[in-house]
Every structure is written in structure tokens, then in C-alpha cells.
């Protein structure tokens, strides 16, 4: 009976919101990577863009007293970092993974330096002057305990990510811009022949990706928490890239992959309260990352083999 009671405390209604809450920054990061992947650019620098966005959001919110301004400036900072990557990769034909890893290392160093220089502290910066992203209270749900626990008091950017997944799904697969983006990613020579400015589309993808990466960081530091912690992204950018691979850069499927990370993180945090070793709990999101990548690669290889066998069958008949 004790085991069942403990399981009931771990797997209950609040776990659903906890899963979504833990998934939201990863979903933003994954969508940041999905946009560039559609143009055949692997945005490994998502982690660094997020970290710069997280610091900028806190710094601006603290200085101006406006969470909205913090989010906007964080998005612009993310876009600036993304455009540095874009120029290096598109104009100077540098290896995108090398640039991305450089950006990640730069982000850790610059945020640590600025934290020390501007706020004269190390590790963590929190202050009552930091205005967090507001939470949405829905009065009509207060009398329905189940729905109140599930949907009330969400952060504004948590609601927005759901809308953003739908918008991005529509843009990718139902608009001319989405068609051009996918054409540039899959058939760049054919796209160029058709009159599409390939490099211009790639720059657009990187710019939008940077804006979303900055928003991901702002949500992490002003929505998920109300502070900045050194390296607070904690590999969420890499998890987002793994989820993007899992979903094949499809926004809806990518978000499903992110929910796996959020679920493992939330369950892990609850298991720790019942005596599970902290090392095991901390390892769970990374195990899920490896598992998700392995599954997505297996699916991709299976699809390629099927395609090859169908071509061979078509040739013989």
C-alpha cells in the first residue's frame, strides 16, 4: 500500500503541468533549431543563444523594471548572435558546428564576465527588482479543482509556446515562405534555378531562429525562474536539438520529443524526494537525450533503407 501511495504522489495531476513547465524552455530551443534545420543548417549554437538571452532578459528587467522590454532585448541579442553565426557559415563558408560550439563557449564566458562586472557577483544573481514574466490567472477555472490545478497560473510565455507551435506548423507546410525554406534545405540547386534567393532565405531562417533562441533564454530566466544562474541553460539547447532530430524538424512532433525530456526531469525531481540517488536523477535527462537521438536515427536509417529498396524494386520491374 505504501508503494502505491508513493506512486500516487509522484504520478498525479500536478505532474502534467510540471512536465509541460519543464518542457517549455526545451520546446523554444527545439523550435529555434527546427527553423534553421528546415534550411539545412544545424544550429548547435542554440545553447549559447539561449544563455545570452537569459542574461540579457534579467539585466534589462532589473535595470528598467519591465519584463516586456527584457524579453524584447533578449530576442534582439539572440538575433545578433545568430547573425554572427549566419555570416560565418553562409558568407565565409565556415563549418556551422564549429561556429556553434564557439558561440556556446563564448556565451558561458561573456555571461560570467558580465555577471561579475555589472552585478559584482558570481554564480547567481537574484533581486526583487527583477520583474518576472507575469502569470495568467483564469478566474472561471477556480471552481473546477482539476482544471484549476492543470491550467491556471501559467506563465504568459508557456501559453504562447502552444500558439507558436501551431503558427510555425502552418508557416512551414501551408505557406509559400515555408515551401521556399524547405526547398532551400532539401534542393538548393533546384531552388536557385526556380529563382529563389537561397542565401537570403538562409539568413532569414537564422535571424528568426536567433529571435526564438533569445525568447527561450528570456523565458528561462524571467518565466521559469526570476534570476540568472551561470550556465543556467544546463544543456537544454542540446536537448532541443535532439528533440528537433526526433521530430524531423516538424514543430508538433518536435514538441512531443521535448515533452519526453520534461517528463523525465519532473519525475526525476520527485523521485529524489523519495530517496533515489541524486546522481541517477541528474543523469535521467541525458539518458533520455541519448535514447531520443538513437530512436530518431534508427527511424531515419529505416526510412532510407525502405526508400532505397523501393527504388531497386522499381528498377527491376
C-alpha atoms as a PDB file:
ATOM      1  CA  UNK A   1       0.000   0.000   0.000  1.00  0.00           C
ATOM      2  CA  UNK A   2       2.934   2.341   0.840  1.00  0.00           C
ATOM      3  CA  UNK A   3       4.362   1.872  -2.662  1.00  0.00           C
ATOM      4  CA  UNK A   4       1.020   2.679  -4.289  1.00  0.00           C
ATOM      5  CA  UNK A   5       0.655   5.808  -2.143  1.00  0.00           C
ATOM      6  CA  UNK A   6       4.135   6.976  -3.123  1.00  0.00           C
ATOM      7  CA  UNK A   7       3.421   6.303  -6.817  1.00  0.00           C
ATOM      8  CA  UNK A   8       0.196   8.284  -6.437  1.00  0.00           C
ATOM      9  CA  UNK A   9       2.171  11.227  -5.086  1.00  0.00           C
ATOM     10  CA  UNK A  10       4.639  11.037  -7.992  1.00  0.00           C
ATOM     11  CA  UNK A  11       2.194  10.357 -10.847  1.00  0.00           C
ATOM     12  CA  UNK A  12      -0.681  12.766 -10.218  1.00  0.00           C
ATOM     13  CA  UNK A  13      -2.413  15.688 -11.954  1.00  0.00           C
ATOM     14  CA  UNK A  14       0.306  18.171 -10.956  1.00  0.00           C
ATOM     15  CA  UNK A  15       2.866  16.063 -12.878  1.00  0.00           C
ATOM     16  CA  UNK A  16       1.141  17.072 -16.154  1.00  0.00           C
ATOM     17  CA  UNK A  17       1.798  20.779 -15.576  1.00  0.00           C
ATOM     18  CA  UNK A  18       5.248  20.068 -14.099  1.00  0.00           C
ATOM     19  CA  UNK A  19       6.116  18.165 -17.300  1.00  0.00           C
ATOM     20  CA  UNK A  20       4.907  20.996 -19.533  1.00  0.00           C
ATOM     21  CA  UNK A  21       6.652  23.614 -17.379  1.00  0.00           C
ATOM     22  CA  UNK A  22       9.970  21.751 -17.580  1.00  0.00           C
ATOM     23  CA  UNK A  23       9.471  21.181 -21.340  1.00  0.00           C
ATOM     24  CA  UNK A  24       8.697  24.796 -22.339  1.00  0.00           C
ATOM     25  CA  UNK A  25      12.293  26.151 -22.475  1.00  0.00           C
ATOM     26  CA  UNK A  26      13.336  22.999 -24.368  1.00  0.00           C
ATOM     27  CA  UNK A  27      10.428  23.444 -26.826  1.00  0.00           C
ATOM     28  CA  UNK A  28      11.550  27.023 -27.557  1.00  0.00           C
ATOM     29  CA  UNK A  29      15.131  25.785 -28.041  1.00  0.00           C
ATOM     30  CA  UNK A  30      13.937  22.952 -30.317  1.00  0.00           C
ATOM     31  CA  UNK A  31      11.859  25.328 -32.464  1.00  0.00           C
ATOM     32  CA  UNK A  32      14.920  27.600 -32.695  1.00  0.00           C
ATOM     33  CA  UNK A  33      16.853  24.629 -34.125  1.00  0.00           C
ATOM     34  CA  UNK A  34      13.923  23.407 -36.289  1.00  0.00           C
ATOM     35  CA  UNK A  35      13.729  26.636 -38.323  1.00  0.00           C
ATOM     36  CA  UNK A  36      17.387  26.507 -39.368  1.00  0.00           C
ATOM     37  CA  UNK A  37      17.230  22.729 -39.915  1.00  0.00           C
ATOM     38  CA  UNK A  38      14.487  23.276 -42.491  1.00  0.00           C
ATOM     39  CA  UNK A  39      17.108  25.327 -44.380  1.00  0.00           C
ATOM     40  CA  UNK A  40      19.665  22.537 -43.786  1.00  0.00           C
ATOM     41  CA  UNK A  41      21.635  24.476 -41.143  1.00  0.00           C
ATOM     42  CA  UNK A  42      22.282  22.629 -37.874  1.00  0.00           C
ATOM     43  CA  UNK A  43      22.084  25.291 -35.162  1.00  0.00           C
ATOM     44  CA  UNK A  44      24.345  23.808 -32.463  1.00  0.00           C
ATOM     45  CA  UNK A  45      24.692  27.350 -31.067  1.00  0.00           C
ATOM     46  CA  UNK A  46      21.133  27.211 -29.649  1.00  0.00           C
ATOM     47  CA  UNK A  47      22.571  26.692 -26.151  1.00  0.00           C
ATOM     48  CA  UNK A  48      24.724  29.840 -26.392  1.00  0.00           C
ATOM     49  CA  UNK A  49      21.918  31.947 -27.889  1.00  0.00           C
ATOM     50  CA  UNK A  50      19.645  30.878 -25.003  1.00  0.00           C
ATOM     51  CA  UNK A  51      22.260  31.721 -22.374  1.00  0.00           C
ATOM     52  CA  UNK A  52      22.899  35.198 -23.784  1.00  0.00           C
ATOM     53  CA  UNK A  53      19.124  35.748 -23.979  1.00  0.00           C
ATOM     54  CA  UNK A  54      18.669  34.623 -20.367  1.00  0.00           C
ATOM     55  CA  UNK A  55      21.307  37.045 -19.072  1.00  0.00           C
ATOM     56  CA  UNK A  56      20.100  39.960 -21.219  1.00  0.00           C
ATOM     57  CA  UNK A  57      16.486  39.484 -20.098  1.00  0.00           C
ATOM     58  CA  UNK A  58      17.428  39.591 -16.412  1.00  0.00           C
ATOM     59  CA  UNK A  59      19.798  42.556 -16.857  1.00  0.00           C
ATOM     60  CA  UNK A  60      17.210  44.644 -18.759  1.00  0.00           C
ATOM     61  CA  UNK A  61      14.310  43.646 -16.478  1.00  0.00           C
ATOM     62  CA  UNK A  62      16.387  44.586 -13.417  1.00  0.00           C
ATOM     63  CA  UNK A  63      17.550  47.902 -14.926  1.00  0.00           C
ATOM     64  CA  UNK A  64      14.275  49.105 -16.472  1.00  0.00           C
ATOM     65  CA  UNK A  65      11.680  47.346 -14.297  1.00  0.00           C
ATOM     66  CA  UNK A  66       9.982  45.989 -17.445  1.00  0.00           C
ATOM     67  CA  UNK A  67       9.748  42.260 -18.166  1.00  0.00           C
ATOM     68  CA  UNK A  68       8.463  43.015 -21.678  1.00  0.00           C
ATOM     69  CA  UNK A  69      11.492  45.125 -22.529  1.00  0.00           C
ATOM     70  CA  UNK A  70      13.681  42.362 -21.070  1.00  0.00           C
ATOM     71  CA  UNK A  71      12.120  39.797 -23.420  1.00  0.00           C
ATOM     72  CA  UNK A  72      12.395  42.076 -26.489  1.00  0.00           C
ATOM     73  CA  UNK A  73      16.065  42.947 -25.870  1.00  0.00           C
ATOM     74  CA  UNK A  74      16.843  39.269 -25.155  1.00  0.00           C
ATOM     75  CA  UNK A  75      15.315  38.344 -28.537  1.00  0.00           C
ATOM     76  CA  UNK A  76      17.383  41.038 -30.271  1.00  0.00           C
ATOM     77  CA  UNK A  77      20.543  39.783 -28.507  1.00  0.00           C
ATOM     78  CA  UNK A  78      19.735  36.241 -29.679  1.00  0.00           C
ATOM     79  CA  UNK A  79      19.236  37.526 -33.231  1.00  0.00           C
ATOM     80  CA  UNK A  80      22.613  39.335 -33.116  1.00  0.00           C
ATOM     81  CA  UNK A  81      24.408  36.132 -32.039  1.00  0.00           C
ATOM     82  CA  UNK A  82      22.570  34.118 -34.723  1.00  0.00           C
ATOM     83  CA  UNK A  83      23.565  36.619 -37.421  1.00  0.00           C
ATOM     84  CA  UNK A  84      27.239  36.318 -36.419  1.00  0.00           C
ATOM     85  CA  UNK A  85      26.855  32.555 -36.976  1.00  0.00           C
ATOM     86  CA  UNK A  86      24.996  33.158 -40.250  1.00  0.00           C
ATOM     87  CA  UNK A  87      27.713  35.429 -41.699  1.00  0.00           C
ATOM     88  CA  UNK A  88      30.444  32.956 -40.713  1.00  0.00           C
ATOM     89  CA  UNK A  89      28.602  29.996 -42.230  1.00  0.00           C
ATOM     90  CA  UNK A  90      26.820  31.467 -45.263  1.00  0.00           C
ATOM     91  CA  UNK A  91      29.208  34.218 -46.377  1.00  0.00           C
ATOM     92  CA  UNK A  92      32.553  32.685 -45.362  1.00  0.00           C
ATOM     93  CA  UNK A  93      31.509  29.019 -45.689  1.00  0.00           C
ATOM     94  CA  UNK A  94      32.770  28.088 -42.205  1.00  0.00           C
ATOM     95  CA  UNK A  95      31.711  24.810 -40.578  1.00  0.00           C
ATOM     96  CA  UNK A  96      28.436  25.518 -38.734  1.00  0.00           C
ATOM     97  CA  UNK A  97      29.124  23.032 -35.895  1.00  0.00           C
ATOM     98  CA  UNK A  98      32.492  24.679 -35.145  1.00  0.00           C
ATOM     99  CA  UNK A  99      30.876  28.141 -35.091  1.00  0.00           C
ATOM    100  CA  UNK A 100      28.050  26.846 -32.905  1.00  0.00           C
ATOM    101  CA  UNK A 101      30.391  25.309 -30.337  1.00  0.00           C
ATOM    102  CA  UNK A 102      32.432  28.535 -30.339  1.00  0.00           C
ATOM    103  CA  UNK A 103      29.259  30.542 -29.645  1.00  0.00           C
ATOM    104  CA  UNK A 104      28.346  28.191 -26.762  1.00  0.00           C
ATOM    105  CA  UNK A 105      31.753  28.641 -25.137  1.00  0.00           C
ATOM    106  CA  UNK A 106      31.669  32.402 -25.758  1.00  0.00           C
ATOM    107  CA  UNK A 107      28.206  32.658 -24.140  1.00  0.00           C
ATOM    108  CA  UNK A 108      29.378  30.914 -20.956  1.00  0.00           C
ATOM    109  CA  UNK A 109      32.420  33.194 -20.716  1.00  0.00           C
ATOM    110  CA  UNK A 110      30.726  36.516 -21.579  1.00  0.00           C
ATOM    111  CA  UNK A 111      27.749  35.986 -19.227  1.00  0.00           C
ATOM    112  CA  UNK A 112      30.101  35.031 -16.387  1.00  0.00           C
ATOM    113  CA  UNK A 113      32.227  38.129 -17.082  1.00  0.00           C
ATOM    114  CA  UNK A 114      29.239  40.491 -17.292  1.00  0.00           C
ATOM    115  CA  UNK A 115      27.669  39.000 -14.152  1.00  0.00           C
ATOM    116  CA  UNK A 116      30.871  39.807 -12.292  1.00  0.00           C
ATOM    117  CA  UNK A 117      31.401  43.211 -13.922  1.00  0.00           C
ATOM    118  CA  UNK A 118      27.856  44.609 -13.873  1.00  0.00           C
ATOM    119  CA  UNK A 119      26.383  42.992 -10.766  1.00  0.00           C
ATOM    120  CA  UNK A 120      29.563  42.248  -8.774  1.00  0.00           C
ATOM    121  CA  UNK A 121      28.550  38.678  -8.032  1.00  0.00           C
ATOM    122  CA  UNK A 122      29.411  35.126  -9.032  1.00  0.00           C
ATOM    123  CA  UNK A 123      27.209  32.092  -9.622  1.00  0.00           C
ATOM    124  CA  UNK A 124      23.709  33.531  -9.127  1.00  0.00           C
ATOM    125  CA  UNK A 125      22.078  36.937  -9.456  1.00  0.00           C
ATOM    126  CA  UNK A 126      18.604  37.432  -7.984  1.00  0.00           C
ATOM    127  CA  UNK A 127      16.969  40.656  -6.825  1.00  0.00           C
ATOM    128  CA  UNK A 128      13.400  41.867  -6.081  1.00  0.00           C
ATOM    129  CA  UNK A 129      13.904  44.492  -8.818  1.00  0.00           C
ATOM    130  CA  UNK A 130      13.924  41.707 -11.459  1.00  0.00           C
ATOM    131  CA  UNK A 131      10.373  41.760 -12.834  1.00  0.00           C
ATOM    132  CA  UNK A 132       9.343  38.246 -13.968  1.00  0.00           C
ATOM    133  CA  UNK A 133       7.053  37.415 -16.891  1.00  0.00           C
ATOM    134  CA  UNK A 134       3.504  37.601 -15.441  1.00  0.00           C
ATOM    135  CA  UNK A 135       1.333  34.575 -14.830  1.00  0.00           C
ATOM    136  CA  UNK A 136      -2.152  34.293 -16.339  1.00  0.00           C
ATOM    137  CA  UNK A 137      -4.943  33.804 -13.804  1.00  0.00           C
ATOM    138  CA  UNK A 138      -8.237  32.457 -15.204  1.00  0.00           C
ATOM    139  CA  UNK A 139     -10.986  33.130 -12.600  1.00  0.00           C
ATOM    140  CA  UNK A 140     -13.592  30.875 -14.285  1.00  0.00           C
ATOM    141  CA  UNK A 141     -11.380  27.810 -13.628  1.00  0.00           C
ATOM    142  CA  UNK A 142     -11.056  28.426  -9.878  1.00  0.00           C
ATOM    143  CA  UNK A 143     -14.257  26.492  -9.080  1.00  0.00           C
ATOM    144  CA  UNK A 144     -13.139  23.420 -11.080  1.00  0.00           C
ATOM    145  CA  UNK A 145     -10.285  21.889  -9.000  1.00  0.00           C
ATOM    146  CA  UNK A 146      -8.932  19.575 -11.736  1.00  0.00           C
ATOM    147  CA  UNK A 147      -8.797  22.260 -14.454  1.00  0.00           C
ATOM    148  CA  UNK A 148      -7.652  24.910 -11.957  1.00  0.00           C
ATOM    149  CA  UNK A 149      -4.654  22.757 -10.987  1.00  0.00           C
ATOM    150  CA  UNK A 150      -3.938  21.904 -14.626  1.00  0.00           C
ATOM    151  CA  UNK A 151      -4.346  25.223 -16.477  1.00  0.00           C
ATOM    152  CA  UNK A 152      -4.360  28.117 -14.024  1.00  0.00           C
ATOM    153  CA  UNK A 153      -1.421  30.340 -13.112  1.00  0.00           C
ATOM    154  CA  UNK A 154       0.581  29.548 -16.256  1.00  0.00           C
ATOM    155  CA  UNK A 155       3.334  31.925 -17.276  1.00  0.00           C
ATOM    156  CA  UNK A 156       2.441  34.066 -20.342  1.00  0.00           C
ATOM    157  CA  UNK A 157       5.266  32.507 -22.400  1.00  0.00           C
ATOM    158  CA  UNK A 158       4.002  28.997 -21.545  1.00  0.00           C
ATOM    159  CA  UNK A 159       0.672  29.817 -23.203  1.00  0.00           C
ATOM    160  CA  UNK A 160       2.478  31.490 -26.113  1.00  0.00           C
ATOM    161  CA  UNK A 161       4.616  28.412 -26.909  1.00  0.00           C
ATOM    162  CA  UNK A 162       1.455  26.401 -27.735  1.00  0.00           C
ATOM    163  CA  UNK A 163       0.279  29.118 -30.123  1.00  0.00           C
ATOM    164  CA  UNK A 164       3.779  29.384 -31.582  1.00  0.00           C
ATOM    165  CA  UNK A 165       3.947  25.627 -32.369  1.00  0.00           C
ATOM    166  CA  UNK A 166       0.681  25.953 -34.345  1.00  0.00           C
ATOM    167  CA  UNK A 167       1.888  29.120 -36.153  1.00  0.00           C
ATOM    168  CA  UNK A 168       5.203  27.513 -37.104  1.00  0.00           C
ATOM    169  CA  UNK A 169       3.491  24.313 -38.297  1.00  0.00           C
ATOM    170  CA  UNK A 170       1.261  26.438 -40.539  1.00  0.00           C
ATOM    171  CA  UNK A 171       4.181  28.560 -41.839  1.00  0.00           C
ATOM    172  CA  UNK A 172       6.336  25.514 -42.672  1.00  0.00           C
ATOM    173  CA  UNK A 173       3.725  23.460 -44.507  1.00  0.00           C
ATOM    174  CA  UNK A 174       0.962  25.825 -45.685  1.00  0.00           C
ATOM    175  CA  UNK A 175       2.730  28.972 -46.942  1.00  0.00           C
ATOM    176  CA  UNK A 176       4.915  29.942 -49.896  1.00  0.00           C
ATOM    177  CA  UNK A 177       7.652  31.056 -47.460  1.00  0.00           C
ATOM    178  CA  UNK A 178       7.641  27.605 -45.827  1.00  0.00           C
ATOM    179  CA  UNK A 179       7.809  25.899 -49.204  1.00  0.00           C
ATOM    180  CA  UNK A 180      10.795  28.049 -50.204  1.00  0.00           C
ATOM    181  CA  UNK A 181      12.510  27.385 -46.863  1.00  0.00           C
ATOM    182  CA  UNK A 182      12.134  23.608 -47.262  1.00  0.00           C
ATOM    183  CA  UNK A 183      13.181  23.789 -50.926  1.00  0.00           C
ATOM    184  CA  UNK A 184      16.377  25.631 -49.927  1.00  0.00           C
ATOM    185  CA  UNK A 185      17.072  22.960 -47.316  1.00  0.00           C
ATOM    186  CA  UNK A 186      16.367  19.923 -49.494  1.00  0.00           C
ATOM    187  CA  UNK A 187      17.096  21.035 -53.069  1.00  0.00           C
ATOM    188  CA  UNK A 188      19.204  24.245 -53.026  1.00  0.00           C
ATOM    189  CA  UNK A 189      20.259  23.972 -56.693  1.00  0.00           C
ATOM    190  CA  UNK A 190      16.665  23.458 -57.843  1.00  0.00           C
ATOM    191  CA  UNK A 191      15.525  26.341 -55.597  1.00  0.00           C
ATOM    192  CA  UNK A 192      18.133  28.639 -57.136  1.00  0.00           C
ATOM    193  CA  UNK A 193      17.074  27.584 -60.641  1.00  0.00           C
ATOM    194  CA  UNK A 194      13.480  28.429 -59.680  1.00  0.00           C
ATOM    195  CA  UNK A 195      14.569  31.987 -58.826  1.00  0.00           C
ATOM    196  CA  UNK A 196      14.671  31.627 -55.022  1.00  0.00           C
ATOM    197  CA  UNK A 197      17.481  33.604 -53.384  1.00  0.00           C
ATOM    198  CA  UNK A 198      18.943  30.723 -51.376  1.00  0.00           C
ATOM    199  CA  UNK A 199      21.294  32.750 -49.164  1.00  0.00           C
ATOM    200  CA  UNK A 200      18.588  35.318 -48.371  1.00  0.00           C
ATOM    201  CA  UNK A 201      16.260  32.534 -47.178  1.00  0.00           C
ATOM    202  CA  UNK A 202      19.067  31.050 -45.039  1.00  0.00           C
ATOM    203  CA  UNK A 203      19.744  34.441 -43.438  1.00  0.00           C
ATOM    204  CA  UNK A 204      16.009  34.787 -42.722  1.00  0.00           C
ATOM    205  CA  UNK A 205      15.962  31.338 -41.069  1.00  0.00           C
ATOM    206  CA  UNK A 206      18.986  32.207 -38.901  1.00  0.00           C
ATOM    207  CA  UNK A 207      17.510  35.591 -37.917  1.00  0.00           C
ATOM    208  CA  UNK A 208      14.144  34.107 -36.841  1.00  0.00           C
ATOM    209  CA  UNK A 209      15.970  31.265 -35.107  1.00  0.00           C
ATOM    210  CA  UNK A 210      18.008  33.804 -33.103  1.00  0.00           C
ATOM    211  CA  UNK A 211      14.866  35.686 -32.063  1.00  0.00           C
ATOM    212  CA  UNK A 212      13.288  32.465 -30.800  1.00  0.00           C
ATOM    213  CA  UNK A 213      16.515  31.382 -29.073  1.00  0.00           C
ATOM    214  CA  UNK A 214      16.588  34.736 -27.269  1.00  0.00           C
ATOM    215  CA  UNK A 215      12.945  34.235 -26.253  1.00  0.00           C
ATOM    216  CA  UNK A 216      13.846  30.748 -24.971  1.00  0.00           C
ATOM    217  CA  UNK A 217      16.522  32.285 -22.741  1.00  0.00           C
ATOM    218  CA  UNK A 218      14.199  35.066 -21.560  1.00  0.00           C
ATOM    219  CA  UNK A 219      11.558  32.505 -20.610  1.00  0.00           C
ATOM    220  CA  UNK A 220      14.156  30.501 -18.689  1.00  0.00           C
ATOM    221  CA  UNK A 221      15.358  33.448 -16.589  1.00  0.00           C
ATOM    222  CA  UNK A 222      12.138  35.505 -16.276  1.00  0.00           C
ATOM    223  CA  UNK A 223       9.361  32.924 -16.706  1.00  0.00           C
ATOM    224  CA  UNK A 224      10.714  29.594 -15.470  1.00  0.00           C
ATOM    225  CA  UNK A 225      12.571  31.451 -12.680  1.00  0.00           C
ATOM    226  CA  UNK A 226      13.292  35.091 -11.791  1.00  0.00           C
ATOM    227  CA  UNK A 227      17.080  35.046 -11.620  1.00  0.00           C
ATOM    228  CA  UNK A 228      20.206  34.381 -13.626  1.00  0.00           C
ATOM    229  CA  UNK A 229      22.457  31.446 -12.769  1.00  0.00           C
ATOM    230  CA  UNK A 230      25.779  30.805 -14.523  1.00  0.00           C
ATOM    231  CA  UNK A 231      25.242  28.237 -17.313  1.00  0.00           C
ATOM    232  CA  UNK A 232      21.557  28.023 -16.332  1.00  0.00           C
ATOM    233  CA  UNK A 233      20.598  26.562 -19.720  1.00  0.00           C
ATOM    234  CA  UNK A 234      22.100  23.297 -18.375  1.00  0.00           C
ATOM    235  CA  UNK A 235      22.221  21.595 -21.840  1.00  0.00           C
ATOM    236  CA  UNK A 236      18.583  22.470 -22.662  1.00  0.00           C
ATOM    237  CA  UNK A 237      19.787  23.804 -26.029  1.00  0.00           C
ATOM    238  CA  UNK A 238      21.362  20.432 -26.864  1.00  0.00           C
ATOM    239  CA  UNK A 239      18.195  18.656 -25.681  1.00  0.00           C
ATOM    240  CA  UNK A 240      16.224  20.907 -28.015  1.00  0.00           C
ATOM    241  CA  UNK A 241      18.473  19.915 -30.943  1.00  0.00           C
ATOM    242  CA  UNK A 242      17.981  16.216 -30.026  1.00  0.00           C
ATOM    243  CA  UNK A 243      14.190  16.709 -29.887  1.00  0.00           C
ATOM    244  CA  UNK A 244      14.333  18.519 -33.240  1.00  0.00           C
ATOM    245  CA  UNK A 245      16.044  15.441 -34.748  1.00  0.00           C
ATOM    246  CA  UNK A 246      13.426  13.208 -33.112  1.00  0.00           C
ATOM    247  CA  UNK A 247      10.620  15.261 -34.684  1.00  0.00           C
ATOM    248  CA  UNK A 248      12.329  15.642 -38.060  1.00  0.00           C
ATOM    249  CA  UNK A 249      12.144  19.471 -37.648  1.00  0.00           C
ATOM    250  CA  UNK A 250       8.332  19.203 -37.634  1.00  0.00           C
ATOM    251  CA  UNK A 251       7.144  21.633 -34.896  1.00  0.00           C
ATOM    252  CA  UNK A 252       4.409  19.374 -33.459  1.00  0.00           C
ATOM    253  CA  UNK A 253       6.499  16.170 -33.420  1.00  0.00           C
ATOM    254  CA  UNK A 254       9.475  18.133 -32.093  1.00  0.00           C
ATOM    255  CA  UNK A 255       7.338  19.417 -29.194  1.00  0.00           C
ATOM    256  CA  UNK A 256       6.334  15.811 -28.390  1.00  0.00           C
ATOM    257  CA  UNK A 257      10.046  14.927 -28.170  1.00  0.00           C
ATOM    258  CA  UNK A 258      10.555  17.863 -25.770  1.00  0.00           C
ATOM    259  CA  UNK A 259       7.738  16.592 -23.533  1.00  0.00           C
ATOM    260  CA  UNK A 260       9.775  13.391 -23.032  1.00  0.00           C
ATOM    261  CA  UNK A 261      12.610  15.493 -21.584  1.00  0.00           C
ATOM    262  CA  UNK A 262      10.196  17.476 -19.423  1.00  0.00           C
ATOM    263  CA  UNK A 263       8.590  14.260 -18.154  1.00  0.00           C
ATOM    264  CA  UNK A 264      11.934  12.677 -17.243  1.00  0.00           C
ATOM    265  CA  UNK A 265      13.033  15.884 -15.496  1.00  0.00           C
ATOM    266  CA  UNK A 266       9.799  16.199 -13.481  1.00  0.00           C
ATOM    267  CA  UNK A 267       9.674  12.524 -12.494  1.00  0.00           C
ATOM    268  CA  UNK A 268      13.373  12.646 -11.582  1.00  0.00           C
ATOM    269  CA  UNK A 269      12.843  15.619  -9.266  1.00  0.00           C
ATOM    270  CA  UNK A 270      10.012  13.768  -7.490  1.00  0.00           C
ATOM    271  CA  UNK A 271      11.951  10.510  -7.221  1.00  0.00           C
ATOM    272  CA  UNK A 272      14.768  12.379  -5.483  1.00  0.00           C
ATOM    273  CA  UNK A 273      12.354  13.262  -2.675  1.00  0.00           C
ATOM    274  CA  UNK A 274      11.811   9.521  -2.074  1.00  0.00           C
ATOM    275  CA  UNK A 275      15.452   8.648  -1.570  1.00  0.00           C
ATOM    276  CA  UNK A 276      16.598   7.942  -5.134  1.00  0.00           C
ATOM    277  CA  UNK A 277      20.300   8.798  -5.586  1.00  0.00           C
ATOM    278  CA  UNK A 278      20.793  12.389  -6.806  1.00  0.00           C
ATOM    279  CA  UNK A 279      23.327  11.186  -9.420  1.00  0.00           C
ATOM    280  CA  UNK A 280      20.700   8.925 -11.011  1.00  0.00           C
ATOM    281  CA  UNK A 281      18.131  11.723 -11.058  1.00  0.00           C
ATOM    282  CA  UNK A 282      20.586  14.203 -12.643  1.00  0.00           C
ATOM    283  CA  UNK A 283      21.511  11.590 -15.243  1.00  0.00           C
ATOM    284  CA  UNK A 284      17.908  10.977 -16.403  1.00  0.00           C
ATOM    285  CA  UNK A 285      17.533  13.900 -18.891  1.00  0.00           C
ATOM    286  CA  UNK A 286      20.845  12.957 -20.544  1.00  0.00           C
ATOM    287  CA  UNK A 287      19.848   9.283 -20.800  1.00  0.00           C
ATOM    288  CA  UNK A 288      16.605  10.417 -22.451  1.00  0.00           C
ATOM    289  CA  UNK A 289      18.640  12.632 -24.841  1.00  0.00           C
ATOM    290  CA  UNK A 290      20.732   9.631 -25.936  1.00  0.00           C
ATOM    291  CA  UNK A 291      17.593   7.473 -26.216  1.00  0.00           C
ATOM    292  CA  UNK A 292      15.738  10.086 -28.301  1.00  0.00           C
ATOM    293  CA  UNK A 293      18.714  10.517 -30.661  1.00  0.00           C
ATOM    294  CA  UNK A 294      19.093   6.721 -31.012  1.00  0.00           C
ATOM    295  CA  UNK A 295      15.373   6.292 -31.824  1.00  0.00           C
ATOM    296  CA  UNK A 296      15.356   9.182 -34.327  1.00  0.00           C
ATOM    297  CA  UNK A 297      18.498   7.893 -36.084  1.00  0.00           C
ATOM    298  CA  UNK A 298      17.038   4.357 -36.237  1.00  0.00           C
ATOM    299  CA  UNK A 299      13.812   5.731 -37.766  1.00  0.00           C
ATOM    300  CA  UNK A 300      15.801   7.810 -40.273  1.00  0.00           C
ATOM    301  CA  UNK A 301      18.010   4.857 -41.313  1.00  0.00           C
ATOM    302  CA  UNK A 302      14.936   2.620 -41.604  1.00  0.00           C
ATOM    303  CA  UNK A 303      13.207   5.165 -43.869  1.00  0.00           C
ATOM    304  CA  UNK A 304      16.334   5.489 -46.052  1.00  0.00           C
ATOM    305  CA  UNK A 305      16.634   1.699 -46.435  1.00  0.00           C
ATOM    306  CA  UNK A 306      12.943   1.490 -47.343  1.00  0.00           C
ATOM    307  CA  UNK A 307      13.414   4.237 -49.945  1.00  0.00           C
ATOM    308  CA  UNK A 308      16.460   2.504 -51.423  1.00  0.00           C
ATOM    309  CA  UNK A 309      14.703  -0.876 -51.587  1.00  0.00           C
ATOM    310  CA  UNK A 310      11.661   0.681 -53.283  1.00  0.00           C
ATOM    311  CA  UNK A 311      13.937   2.298 -55.884  1.00  0.00           C
ATOM    312  CA  UNK A 312      15.635  -1.051 -56.534  1.00  0.00           C
ATOM    313  CA  UNK A 313      12.238  -2.765 -56.832  1.00  0.00           C
ATOM    314  CA  UNK A 314      11.101  -0.068 -59.219  1.00  0.00           C
ATOM    315  CA  UNK A 315      14.183  -0.591 -61.413  1.00  0.00           C
ATOM    316  CA  UNK A 316      13.724  -4.364 -61.682  1.00  0.00           C
ATOM    317  CA  UNK A 317      10.114  -4.225 -62.835  1.00  0.00           C
END
